[in-house]
PDB file of N, CA and C in Angstrom:
ATOM      1  N   MET A   1      88.992 111.894  96.104  1.00  0.00           N
ATOM      2  CA  MET A   1      88.362 110.136  96.870  1.00  0.00           C
ATOM      3  C   MET A   1      89.091 109.186  97.117  1.00  0.00           C
ATOM      4  N   LYS A   2      88.583 108.737  98.280  1.00  0.00           N
ATOM      5  CA  LYS A   2      89.966 108.261  99.081  1.00  0.00           C
ATOM      6  C   LYS A   2      89.351 106.522  98.201  1.00  0.00           C
ATOM      7  N   ILE A   3      90.328 105.938  97.989  1.00  0.00           N
ATOM      8  CA  ILE A   3      90.090 104.574  97.329  1.00  0.00           C
ATOM      9  C   ILE A   3      91.400 103.699  98.166  1.00  0.00           C
ATOM     10  N   LEU A   4      90.807 102.374  98.278  1.00  0.00           N
ATOM     11  CA  LEU A   4      91.430 101.517  99.314  1.00  0.00           C
ATOM     12  C   LEU A   4      91.713 100.263  98.126  1.00  0.00           C
ATOM     13  N   ILE A   5      93.208 100.486  98.241  1.00  0.00           N
ATOM     14  CA  ILE A   5      93.592  99.208  97.222  1.00  0.00           C
ATOM     15  C   ILE A   5      93.391  98.000  97.927  1.00  0.00           C
ATOM     16  N   VAL A   6      93.262  97.029  97.570  1.00  0.00           N
ATOM     17  CA  VAL A   6      93.737  95.551  98.668  1.00  0.00           C
ATOM     18  C   VAL A   6      94.394  94.764  97.555  1.00  0.00           C
ATOM     19  N   ASP A   7      95.360  94.556  97.798  1.00  0.00           N
ATOM     20  CA  ASP A   7      96.560  93.380  97.277  1.00  0.00           C
ATOM     21  C   ASP A   7      97.371  92.565  97.869  1.00  0.00           C
ATOM     22  N   ASP A   8      97.644  91.676  97.762  1.00  0.00           N
ATOM     23  CA  ASP A   8      98.981  91.173  98.575  1.00  0.00           C
ATOM     24  C   ASP A   8      99.887  91.289  97.667  1.00  0.00           C
ATOM     25  N   SER A   9     100.472  91.684  96.601  1.00  0.00           N
ATOM     26  CA  SER A   9     101.378  92.398  95.944  1.00  0.00           C
ATOM     27  C   SER A   9     101.673  93.798  96.596  1.00  0.00           C
ATOM     28  N   LEU A  10     102.827  93.783  96.948  1.00  0.00           N
ATOM     29  CA  LEU A  10     103.224  95.527  96.980  1.00  0.00           C
ATOM     30  C   LEU A  10     103.526  95.924  95.811  1.00  0.00           C
ATOM     31  N   PHE A  11     103.597  95.370  94.910  1.00  0.00           N
ATOM     32  CA  PHE A  11     104.037  96.085  93.328  1.00  0.00           C
ATOM     33  C   PHE A  11     102.963  96.055  93.324  1.00  0.00           C
ATOM     34  N   THR A  12     101.854  95.347  92.656  1.00  0.00           N
ATOM     35  CA  THR A  12     100.873  95.975  92.608  1.00  0.00           C
ATOM     36  C   THR A  12     100.275  96.875  93.297  1.00  0.00           C
ATOM     37  N   ARG A  13     100.088  97.255  94.676  1.00  0.00           N
ATOM     38  CA  ARG A  13      99.279  98.069  95.233  1.00  0.00           C
ATOM     39  C   ARG A  13     100.454  99.452  95.237  1.00  0.00           C
ATOM     40  N   THR A  14     101.496  99.019  94.426  1.00  0.00           N
ATOM     41  CA  THR A  14     102.104 100.699  94.565  1.00  0.00           C
ATOM     42  C   THR A  14     101.779 101.005  93.344  1.00  0.00           C
ATOM     43  N   ILE A  15     101.528  99.917  91.876  1.00  0.00           N
ATOM     44  CA  ILE A  15     101.716 100.355  90.746  1.00  0.00           C
ATOM     45  C   ILE A  15     100.037 101.492  90.389  1.00  0.00           C
ATOM     46  N   HIS A  16      98.827 100.687  91.313  1.00  0.00           N
ATOM     47  CA  HIS A  16      97.266 101.140  91.049  1.00  0.00           C
ATOM     48  C   HIS A  16      97.949 102.834  91.943  1.00  0.00           C
ATOM     49  N   ARG A  17      98.688 102.502  93.479  1.00  0.00           N
ATOM     50  CA  ARG A  17      98.567 104.114  94.434  1.00  0.00           C
ATOM     51  C   ARG A  17      98.842 104.902  93.376  1.00  0.00           C
ATOM     52  N   GLN A  18     100.003 104.972  92.276  1.00  0.00           N
ATOM     53  CA  GLN A  18     100.745 106.003  91.689  1.00  0.00           C
ATOM     54  C   GLN A  18      99.335 105.885  90.901  1.00  0.00           C
ATOM     55  N   THR A  19      98.871 105.307  90.038  1.00  0.00           N
ATOM     56  CA  THR A  19      98.035 105.369  89.070  1.00  0.00           C
ATOM     57  C   THR A  19      96.785 106.131  89.544  1.00  0.00           C
ATOM     58  N   VAL A  20      96.204 105.946  90.832  1.00  0.00           N
ATOM     59  CA  VAL A  20      95.063 106.858  91.002  1.00  0.00           C
ATOM     60  C   VAL A  20      95.758 108.352  91.562  1.00  0.00           C
ATOM     61  N   GLU A  21      96.648 108.364  92.090  1.00  0.00           N
ATOM     62  CA  GLU A  21      97.246 109.303  93.158  1.00  0.00           C
ATOM     63  C   GLU A  21      97.450 110.648  91.793  1.00  0.00           C
ATOM     64  N   ASN A  22      97.943 110.268  90.893  1.00  0.00           N
ATOM     65  CA  ASN A  22      98.261 110.682  89.626  1.00  0.00           C
ATOM     66  C   ASN A  22      96.747 111.605  89.253  1.00  0.00           C
ATOM     67  N   GLU A  23      95.596 110.971  89.935  1.00  0.00           N
ATOM     68  CA  GLU A  23      94.499 111.661  89.430  1.00  0.00           C
ATOM     69  C   GLU A  23      93.545 112.585  90.406  1.00  0.00           C
ATOM     70  N   GLY A  24      94.541 112.521  91.687  1.00  0.00           N
ATOM     71  CA  GLY A  24      94.170 113.496  92.475  1.00  0.00           C
ATOM     72  C   GLY A  24      93.598 112.236  93.762  1.00  0.00           C
ATOM     73  N   HIS A  25      93.392 111.285  93.981  1.00  0.00           N
ATOM     74  CA  HIS A  25      92.436 110.797  94.366  1.00  0.00           C
ATOM     75  C   HIS A  25      93.820 110.313  95.666  1.00  0.00           C
ATOM     76  N   LEU A  26      93.322 110.093  96.929  1.00  0.00           N
ATOM     77  CA  LEU A  26      93.747 109.506  97.966  1.00  0.00           C
ATOM     78  C   LEU A  26      93.832 108.592  98.206  1.00  0.00           C
ATOM     79  N   VAL A  27      94.873 107.793  98.903  1.00  0.00           N
ATOM     80  CA  VAL A  27      94.487 105.715  98.204  1.00  0.00           C
ATOM     81  C   VAL A  27      94.763 105.355  99.667  1.00  0.00           C
ATOM     82  N   VAL A  28      94.308 104.779 100.684  1.00  0.00           N
ATOM     83  CA  VAL A  28      95.303 103.751 101.198  1.00  0.00           C
ATOM     84  C   VAL A  28      95.021 102.427 100.708  1.00  0.00           C
ATOM     85  N   GLU A  29      95.660 101.769 101.439  1.00  0.00           N
ATOM     86  CA  GLU A  29      96.466 100.406 101.075  1.00  0.00           C
ATOM     87  C   GLU A  29      96.272  99.304 102.457  1.00  0.00           C
ATOM     88  N   ALA A  30      95.605  97.469 101.843  1.00  0.00           N
ATOM     89  CA  ALA A  30      95.712  96.889 102.161  1.00  0.00           C
ATOM     90  C   ALA A  30      96.347  95.572 101.953  1.00  0.00           C
ATOM     91  N   GLY A  31      96.873  94.822 102.381  1.00  0.00           N
ATOM     92  CA  GLY A  31      98.150  93.938 102.329  1.00  0.00           C
ATOM     93  C   GLY A  31      96.856  92.499 101.660  1.00  0.00           C
ATOM     94  N   GLY A  32      96.038  92.342 102.521  1.00  0.00           N
ATOM     95  CA  GLY A  32      95.194  91.044 102.220  1.00  0.00           C
ATOM     96  C   GLY A  32      93.816  91.591 103.113  1.00  0.00           C
ATOM     97  N   GLY A  33      92.965  91.034 102.815  1.00  0.00           N
ATOM     98  CA  GLY A  33      91.163  91.124 103.131  1.00  0.00           C
ATOM     99  C   GLY A  33      91.339  91.691 104.360  1.00  0.00           C
ATOM    100  N   LEU A  34      91.482  90.747 105.580  1.00  0.00           N
ATOM    101  CA  LEU A  34      91.742  91.186 107.097  1.00  0.00           C
ATOM    102  C   LEU A  34      91.701  92.349 107.375  1.00  0.00           C
ATOM    103  N   GLU A  35      93.303  92.491 107.247  1.00  0.00           N
ATOM    104  CA  GLU A  35      93.677  93.822 106.980  1.00  0.00           C
ATOM    105  C   GLU A  35      92.600  95.196 106.284  1.00  0.00           C
ATOM    106  N   ALA A  36      92.006  95.166 105.093  1.00  0.00           N
ATOM    107  CA  ALA A  36      91.185  95.681 104.473  1.00  0.00           C
ATOM    108  C   ALA A  36      89.893  95.715 105.033  1.00  0.00           C
ATOM    109  N   VAL A  37      89.568  95.068 105.693  1.00  0.00           N
ATOM    110  CA  VAL A  37      87.880  94.859 106.480  1.00  0.00           C
ATOM    111  C   VAL A  37      88.408  95.923 107.870  1.00  0.00           C
ATOM    112  N   GLU A  38      89.598  95.798 108.402  1.00  0.00           N
ATOM    113  CA  GLU A  38      89.783  97.031 109.292  1.00  0.00           C
ATOM    114  C   GLU A  38      89.983  98.295 109.045  1.00  0.00           C
ATOM    115  N   ILE A  39      90.681  98.563 107.860  1.00  0.00           N
ATOM    116  CA  ILE A  39      90.872  99.807 107.594  1.00  0.00           C
ATOM    117  C   ILE A  39      89.174 100.535 107.169  1.00  0.00           C
ATOM    118  N   PHE A  40      89.215  99.453 105.984  1.00  0.00           N
ATOM    119  CA  PHE A  40      87.403 100.119 105.239  1.00  0.00           C
ATOM    120  C   PHE A  40      86.993 100.350 106.754  1.00  0.00           C
ATOM    121  N   LYS A  41      86.416  99.692 107.795  1.00  0.00           N
ATOM    122  CA  LYS A  41      86.161 100.485 108.925  1.00  0.00           C
ATOM    123  C   LYS A  41      86.608 101.629 109.548  1.00  0.00           C
ATOM    124  N   LYS A  42      87.789 101.999 109.748  1.00  0.00           N
ATOM    125  CA  LYS A  42      88.039 103.397 110.334  1.00  0.00           C
ATOM    126  C   LYS A  42      88.566 104.610 108.978  1.00  0.00           C
ATOM    127  N   GLU A  43      88.433 103.889 107.731  1.00  0.00           N
ATOM    128  CA  GLU A  43      88.796 104.725 106.447  1.00  0.00           C
ATOM    129  C   GLU A  43      87.388 105.513 105.915  1.00  0.00           C
ATOM    130  N   LYS A  44      86.856 104.449 106.119  1.00  0.00           N
ATOM    131  CA  LYS A  44      85.246 105.165 105.286  1.00  0.00           C
ATOM    132  C   LYS A  44      85.567 105.044 103.475  1.00  0.00           C
ATOM    133  N   PRO A  45      86.562 104.412 102.763  1.00  0.00           N
ATOM    134  CA  PRO A  45      86.580 105.305 101.367  1.00  0.00           C
ATOM    135  C   PRO A  45      85.664 105.034 100.756  1.00  0.00           C
ATOM    136  N   ASP A  46      85.920 105.428  99.778  1.00  0.00           N
ATOM    137  CA  ASP A  46      84.847 105.957  98.648  1.00  0.00           C
ATOM    138  C   ASP A  46      84.558 105.022  97.811  1.00  0.00           C
ATOM    139  N   LEU A  47      85.316 104.054  97.350  1.00  0.00           N
ATOM    140  CA  LEU A  47      85.682 102.765  96.574  1.00  0.00           C
ATOM    141  C   LEU A  47      86.875 101.990  96.892  1.00  0.00           C
ATOM    142  N   VAL A  48      86.764 100.723  96.874  1.00  0.00           N
ATOM    143  CA  VAL A  48      87.519  99.609  96.875  1.00  0.00           C
ATOM    144  C   VAL A  48      88.043  98.943  95.815  1.00  0.00           C
ATOM    145  N   VAL A  49      89.422  98.730  95.278  1.00  0.00           N
ATOM    146  CA  VAL A  49      89.685  98.207  94.410  1.00  0.00           C
ATOM    147  C   VAL A  49      90.251  96.965  94.601  1.00  0.00           C
ATOM    148  N   THR A  50      90.218  95.641  95.301  1.00  0.00           N
ATOM    149  CA  THR A  50      90.312  94.339  95.291  1.00  0.00           C
ATOM    150  C   THR A  50      90.761  93.639  94.774  1.00  0.00           C
ATOM    151  N   ASP A  51      91.650  92.525  95.260  1.00  0.00           N
ATOM    152  CA  ASP A  51      92.411  91.510  93.955  1.00  0.00           C
ATOM    153  C   ASP A  51      91.458  90.524  94.479  1.00  0.00           C
ATOM    154  N   LEU A  52      90.960  89.415  93.857  1.00  0.00           N
ATOM    155  CA  LEU A  52      90.567  87.946  93.872  1.00  0.00           C
ATOM    156  C   LEU A  52      91.409  87.099  95.371  1.00  0.00           C
ATOM    157  N   LEU A  53      92.673  86.444  94.359  1.00  0.00           N
ATOM    158  CA  LEU A  53      93.370  85.697  95.320  1.00  0.00           C
ATOM    159  C   LEU A  53      94.499  86.094  96.024  1.00  0.00           C
ATOM    160  N   MET A  54      94.117  85.900  97.259  1.00  0.00           N
ATOM    161  CA  MET A  54      94.967  86.285  98.937  1.00  0.00           C
ATOM    162  C   MET A  54      94.830  85.483  99.365  1.00  0.00           C
ATOM    163  N   PRO A  55      95.770  85.363 100.269  1.00  0.00           N
ATOM    164  CA  PRO A  55      96.370  83.959 101.156  1.00  0.00           C
ATOM    165  C   PRO A  55      95.228  83.916 102.469  1.00  0.00           C
ATOM    166  N   ASP A  56      94.915  85.747 103.179  1.00  0.00           N
ATOM    167  CA  ASP A  56      94.110  85.343 104.456  1.00  0.00           C
ATOM    168  C   ASP A  56      92.502  85.412 103.766  1.00  0.00           C
ATOM    169  N   MET A  57      92.193  85.909 103.256  1.00  0.00           N
ATOM    170  CA  MET A  57      90.703  86.308 102.718  1.00  0.00           C
ATOM    171  C   MET A  57      90.413  86.504 101.063  1.00  0.00           C
ATOM    172  N   ASP A  58      89.977  85.594 100.534  1.00  0.00           N
ATOM    173  CA  ASP A  58      89.662  86.496  98.979  1.00  0.00           C
ATOM    174  C   ASP A  58      89.241  87.161  98.821  1.00  0.00           C
ATOM    175  N   GLY A  59      88.719  87.762  97.993  1.00  0.00           N
ATOM    176  CA  GLY A  59      88.277  89.373  97.363  1.00  0.00           C
ATOM    177  C   GLY A  59      86.769  89.023  97.440  1.00  0.00           C
ATOM    178  N   MET A  60      86.403  88.049  97.156  1.00  0.00           N
ATOM    179  CA  MET A  60      84.672  87.401  97.379  1.00  0.00           C
ATOM    180  C   MET A  60      84.610  87.098  98.733  1.00  0.00           C
ATOM    181  N   ASP A  61      85.154  87.167  99.439  1.00  0.00           N
ATOM    182  CA  ASP A  61      84.852  86.923 100.852  1.00  0.00           C
ATOM    183  C   ASP A  61      84.928  87.922 101.242  1.00  0.00           C
ATOM    184  N   LEU A  62      85.820  88.938 101.013  1.00  0.00           N
ATOM    185  CA  LEU A  62      86.277  90.437 101.126  1.00  0.00           C
ATOM    186  C   LEU A  62      84.896  91.448 100.890  1.00  0.00           C
ATOM    187  N   ILE A  63      84.726  91.100 100.119  1.00  0.00           N
ATOM    188  CA  ILE A  63      83.230  92.179  99.172  1.00  0.00           C
ATOM    189  C   ILE A  63      82.013  91.750  99.646  1.00  0.00           C
ATOM    190  N   ARG A  64      81.805  90.256 100.554  1.00  0.00           N
ATOM    191  CA  ARG A  64      81.062  90.624 101.363  1.00  0.00           C
ATOM    192  C   ARG A  64      80.366  90.714 102.624  1.00  0.00           C
ATOM    193  N   GLU A  65      81.942  90.378 103.306  1.00  0.00           N
ATOM    194  CA  GLU A  65      82.157  91.540 104.298  1.00  0.00           C
ATOM    195  C   GLU A  65      81.872  92.981 104.149  1.00  0.00           C
ATOM    196  N   ILE A  66      82.929  93.271 103.432  1.00  0.00           N
ATOM    197  CA  ILE A  66      82.564  94.609 103.162  1.00  0.00           C
ATOM    198  C   ILE A  66      80.889  95.272 103.106  1.00  0.00           C
ATOM    199  N   LEU A  67      80.357  94.200 102.437  1.00  0.00           N
ATOM    200  CA  LEU A  67      78.423  94.578 101.963  1.00  0.00           C
ATOM    201  C   LEU A  67      78.174  94.549 103.148  1.00  0.00           C
ATOM    202  N   THR A  68      78.506  93.400 104.320  1.00  0.00           N
ATOM    203  CA  THR A  68      77.841  93.851 105.936  1.00  0.00           C
ATOM    204  C   THR A  68      77.672  95.084 106.458  1.00  0.00           C
ATOM    205  N   VAL A  69      79.355  95.460 106.560  1.00  0.00           N
ATOM    206  CA  VAL A  69      79.564  96.902 107.324  1.00  0.00           C
ATOM    207  C   VAL A  69      78.833  98.083 106.566  1.00  0.00           C
ATOM    208  N   ASP A  70      79.020  98.069 105.386  1.00  0.00           N
ATOM    209  CA  ASP A  70      78.147  99.128 104.694  1.00  0.00           C
ATOM    210  C   ASP A  70      77.926  98.754 103.101  1.00  0.00           C
ATOM    211  N   PRO A  71      76.466  98.132 103.178  1.00  0.00           N
ATOM    212  CA  PRO A  71      75.816  98.070 101.697  1.00  0.00           C
ATOM    213  C   PRO A  71      75.512  98.533 100.852  1.00  0.00           C
ATOM    214  N   SER A  72      76.868  99.541 100.726  1.00  0.00           N
ATOM    215  CA  SER A  72      76.129 100.602  99.545  1.00  0.00           C
ATOM    216  C   SER A  72      77.762 101.184  99.626  1.00  0.00           C
ATOM    217  N   ALA A  73      78.434  99.975  99.756  1.00  0.00           N
ATOM    218  CA  ALA A  73      80.213 100.597  99.509  1.00  0.00           C
ATOM    219  C   ALA A  73      79.837  99.698  98.052  1.00  0.00           C
ATOM    220  N   ARG A  74      81.322 100.583  97.391  1.00  0.00           N
ATOM    221  CA  ARG A  74      81.698 100.076  96.206  1.00  0.00           C
ATOM    222  C   ARG A  74      82.775  99.604  96.022  1.00  0.00           C
ATOM    223  N   MET A  75      82.548  98.584  95.396  1.00  0.00           N
ATOM    224  CA  MET A  75      84.401  97.900  94.897  1.00  0.00           C
ATOM    225  C   MET A  75      84.088  97.175  93.294  1.00  0.00           C
ATOM    226  N   VAL A  76      85.531  97.123  93.192  1.00  0.00           N
ATOM    227  CA  VAL A  76      86.076  96.767  91.544  1.00  0.00           C
ATOM    228  C   VAL A  76      86.493  95.938  92.202  1.00  0.00           C
ATOM    229  N   VAL A  77      86.755  94.851  91.183  1.00  0.00           N
ATOM    230  CA  VAL A  77      87.993  93.648  91.396  1.00  0.00           C
ATOM    231  C   VAL A  77      88.892  94.004  90.407  1.00  0.00           C
ATOM    232  N   CYS A  78      89.765  93.628  90.572  1.00  0.00           N
ATOM    233  CA  CYS A  78      90.896  93.844  89.726  1.00  0.00           C
ATOM    234  C   CYS A  78      91.930  92.233  89.908  1.00  0.00           C
ATOM    235  N   SER A  79      91.631  91.798  89.238  1.00  0.00           N
ATOM    236  CA  SER A  79      92.829  90.446  89.353  1.00  0.00           C
ATOM    237  C   SER A  79      92.954  89.339  87.775  1.00  0.00           C
ATOM    238  N   ALA A  80      93.904  88.925  87.690  1.00  0.00           N
ATOM    239  CA  ALA A  80      94.852  87.760  87.023  1.00  0.00           C
ATOM    240  C   ALA A  80      93.724  86.437  87.027  1.00  0.00           C
ATOM    241  N   ASP A  81      92.587  86.124  87.778  1.00  0.00           N
ATOM    242  CA  ASP A  81      91.942  85.570  87.524  1.00  0.00           C
ATOM    243  C   ASP A  81      90.879  85.718  86.541  1.00  0.00           C
ATOM    244  N   ARG A  82      90.956  85.084  85.522  1.00  0.00           N
ATOM    245  CA  ARG A  82      90.421  86.187  84.516  1.00  0.00           C
ATOM    246  C   ARG A  82      88.745  84.755  84.530  1.00  0.00           C
ATOM    247  N   LYS A  83      88.626  83.526  85.348  1.00  0.00           N
ATOM    248  CA  LYS A  83      87.420  82.743  84.898  1.00  0.00           C
ATOM    249  C   LYS A  83      86.095  83.572  84.875  1.00  0.00           C
ATOM    250  N   ILE A  84      85.357  83.245  84.099  1.00  0.00           N
ATOM    251  CA  ILE A  84      83.948  83.501  83.828  1.00  0.00           C
ATOM    252  C   ILE A  84      83.041  83.517  84.820  1.00  0.00           C
ATOM    253  N   GLU A  85      83.446  82.081  85.833  1.00  0.00           N
ATOM    254  CA  GLU A  85      82.602  82.001  86.582  1.00  0.00           C
ATOM    255  C   GLU A  85      82.728  83.379  87.641  1.00  0.00           C
ATOM    256  N   HIS A  86      84.243  83.445  88.095  1.00  0.00           N
ATOM    257  CA  HIS A  86      84.590  83.958  88.789  1.00  0.00           C
ATOM    258  C   HIS A  86      84.278  85.589  88.654  1.00  0.00           C
ATOM    259  N   ILE A  87      84.238  86.045  87.346  1.00  0.00           N
ATOM    260  CA  ILE A  87      83.433  87.068  87.547  1.00  0.00           C
ATOM    261  C   ILE A  87      81.958  87.212  87.581  1.00  0.00           C
ATOM    262  N   ARG A  88      80.950  86.819  87.087  1.00  0.00           N
ATOM    263  CA  ARG A  88      79.927  86.742  87.627  1.00  0.00           C
ATOM    264  C   ARG A  88      79.501  86.579  89.282  1.00  0.00           C
ATOM    265  N   GLU A  89      80.405  85.851  89.737  1.00  0.00           N
ATOM    266  CA  GLU A  89      79.899  85.903  90.814  1.00  0.00           C
ATOM    267  C   GLU A  89      80.497  87.171  91.421  1.00  0.00           C
ATOM    268  N   ALA A  90      81.099  87.368  91.103  1.00  0.00           N
ATOM    269  CA  ALA A  90      82.123  88.855  91.743  1.00  0.00           C
ATOM    270  C   ALA A  90      80.279  90.140  91.766  1.00  0.00           C
ATOM    271  N   GLY A  91      80.363  89.855  90.179  1.00  0.00           N
ATOM    272  CA  GLY A  91      79.044  90.801  89.778  1.00  0.00           C
ATOM    273  C   GLY A  91      77.807  90.598  91.310  1.00  0.00           C
ATOM    274  N   LYS A  92      77.557  89.678  90.964  1.00  0.00           N
ATOM    275  CA  LYS A  92      76.357  89.115  91.990  1.00  0.00           C
ATOM    276  C   LYS A  92      76.233  89.422  92.863  1.00  0.00           C
ATOM    277  N   ILE A  93      77.253  89.525  93.829  1.00  0.00           N
ATOM    278  CA  ILE A  93      77.593  89.580  95.215  1.00  0.00           C
ATOM    279  C   ILE A  93      77.607  91.424  95.028  1.00  0.00           C
ATOM    280  N   GLY A  94      77.939  91.847  94.616  1.00  0.00           N
ATOM    281  CA  GLY A  94      78.137  93.401  94.391  1.00  0.00           C
ATOM    282  C   GLY A  94      79.086  94.217  93.913  1.00  0.00           C
ATOM    283  N   ALA A  95      80.450  93.158  93.018  1.00  0.00           N
ATOM    284  CA  ALA A  95      81.376  94.086  92.726  1.00  0.00           C
ATOM    285  C   ALA A  95      81.106  94.907  91.681  1.00  0.00           C
ATOM    286  N   LEU A  96      81.273  96.505  91.175  1.00  0.00           N
ATOM    287  CA  LEU A  96      80.749  97.245  90.141  1.00  0.00           C
ATOM    288  C   LEU A  96      81.716  97.161  88.754  1.00  0.00           C
ATOM    289  N   GLY A  97      82.913  96.401  89.065  1.00  0.00           N
ATOM    290  CA  GLY A  97      83.570  96.078  88.222  1.00  0.00           C
ATOM    291  C   GLY A  97      84.474  95.320  88.064  1.00  0.00           C
ATOM    292  N   PHE A  98      84.979  94.455  87.054  1.00  0.00           N
ATOM    293  CA  PHE A  98      86.032  93.733  87.151  1.00  0.00           C
ATOM    294  C   PHE A  98      87.030  93.815  86.050  1.00  0.00           C
ATOM    295  N   LEU A  99      88.462  94.213  86.182  1.00  0.00           N
ATOM    296  CA  LEU A  99      89.648  94.616  85.436  1.00  0.00           C
ATOM    297  C   LEU A  99      90.509  93.227  85.650  1.00  0.00           C
ATOM    298  N   SER A 100      90.867  93.099  84.304  1.00  0.00           N
ATOM    299  CA  SER A 100      91.692  92.057  84.416  1.00  0.00           C
ATOM    300  C   SER A 100      93.693  92.694  84.005  1.00  0.00           C
ATOM    301  N   LYS A 101      94.017  91.851  85.256  1.00  0.00           N
ATOM    302  CA  LYS A 101      95.365  92.073  85.369  1.00  0.00           C
ATOM    303  C   LYS A 101      96.185  91.710  83.954  1.00  0.00           C
ATOM    304  N   PRO A 102      97.383  92.182  83.575  1.00  0.00           N
ATOM    305  CA  PRO A 102      97.733  93.409  84.403  1.00  0.00           C
ATOM    306  C   PRO A 102      97.081  95.165  83.477  1.00  0.00           C
ATOM    307  N   ILE A 103      96.305  95.554  84.273  1.00  0.00           N
ATOM    308  CA  ILE A 103      95.918  96.341  84.075  1.00  0.00           C
ATOM    309  C   ILE A 103      96.564  98.397  84.039  1.00  0.00           C
ATOM    310  N   ALA A 104      95.912  98.528  82.834  1.00  0.00           N
ATOM    311  CA  ALA A 104      96.404 100.263  82.081  1.00  0.00           C
ATOM    312  C   ALA A 104      95.916 101.164  82.855  1.00  0.00           C
ATOM    313  N   ALA A 105      96.806 101.648  83.248  1.00  0.00           N
ATOM    314  CA  ALA A 105      96.258 103.005  83.932  1.00  0.00           C
ATOM    315  C   ALA A 105      95.185 103.707  83.476  1.00  0.00           C
ATOM    316  N   GLU A 106      95.158 103.728  82.124  1.00  0.00           N
ATOM    317  CA  GLU A 106      94.130 104.634  81.507  1.00  0.00           C
ATOM    318  C   GLU A 106      92.395 104.081  82.275  1.00  0.00           C
ATOM    319  N   GLU A 107      92.561 102.292  81.829  1.00  0.00           N
ATOM    320  CA  GLU A 107      91.687 101.822  82.125  1.00  0.00           C
ATOM    321  C   GLU A 107      91.025 101.784  83.501  1.00  0.00           C
ATOM    322  N   LEU A 108      91.850 101.827  84.172  1.00  0.00           N
ATOM    323  CA  LEU A 108      91.221 101.657  85.711  1.00  0.00           C
ATOM    324  C   LEU A 108      90.751 103.213  85.946  1.00  0.00           C
ATOM    325  N   ASN A 109      91.512 104.267  85.683  1.00  0.00           N
ATOM    326  CA  ASN A 109      91.193 106.002  85.523  1.00  0.00           C
ATOM    327  C   ASN A 109      89.987 106.050  85.143  1.00  0.00           C
ATOM    328  N   ARG A 110      89.377 105.352  84.519  1.00  0.00           N
ATOM    329  CA  ARG A 110      88.071 105.143  83.350  1.00  0.00           C
ATOM    330  C   ARG A 110      86.597 104.785  84.299  1.00  0.00           C
ATOM    331  N   LEU A 111      87.633 103.664  84.549  1.00  0.00           N
ATOM    332  CA  LEU A 111      86.718 102.710  85.610  1.00  0.00           C
ATOM    333  C   LEU A 111      86.111 103.748  86.690  1.00  0.00           C
ATOM    334  N   ILE A 112      87.277 103.926  87.594  1.00  0.00           N
ATOM    335  CA  ILE A 112      86.858 104.821  88.627  1.00  0.00           C
ATOM    336  C   ILE A 112      85.878 106.167  88.252  1.00  0.00           C
ATOM    337  N   GLU A 113      86.580 106.627  87.219  1.00  0.00           N
ATOM    338  CA  GLU A 113      85.971 108.055  86.757  1.00  0.00           C
ATOM    339  C   GLU A 113      83.961 107.647  86.669  1.00  0.00           C
ATOM    340  N   LYS A 114      83.620 106.345  86.296  1.00  0.00           N
ATOM    341  CA  LYS A 114      82.479 106.312  85.689  1.00  0.00           C
ATOM    342  C   LYS A 114      81.904 105.393  86.748  1.00  0.00           C
ATOM    343  N   LEU A 115      82.280 104.715  87.682  1.00  0.00           N
ATOM    344  CA  LEU A 115      82.120 104.398  88.831  1.00  0.00           C
ATOM    345  C   LEU A 115      81.323 105.978  89.989  1.00  0.00           C
ATOM    346  N   MET A 116      82.283 106.792  89.739  1.00  0.00           N
ATOM    347  CA  MET A 116      82.080 108.230  90.706  1.00  0.00           C
ATOM    348  C   MET A 116      81.217 109.542  90.036  1.00  0.00           C
ATOM    349  N   ASP A 117      80.312 109.382  88.747  1.00  0.00           N
ATOM    350  CA  ASP A 117      80.069 109.556  88.180  1.00  0.00           C
ATOM    351  C   ASP A 117      78.316 110.110  89.485  1.00  0.00           C
TER     352      ASP A 117
END
């Protein structure tokens, strides 16, 4: 499976990359929402794992934009922003899951497995 990891933190992207690569998945990365949209169009990943708070395009707008490109896209939010209204909004607009940072590797892998069944 190909997974696009979107986060403005290189450290976070590296941790998530190691986590999913250890499970045998292919990873592509983006440091922000605008870059993620272009990578999504080119790479056509099976799953997008995105942060909410990014400087160029927030995660909500990224979800909306990707769904205009591919309405069947699968997306998960992984953020330190735990505001319930943001979690609900992400779900309403198309996110299939929400993980709070910092996340344990097992948590991320479990959610990926669940979404890919």
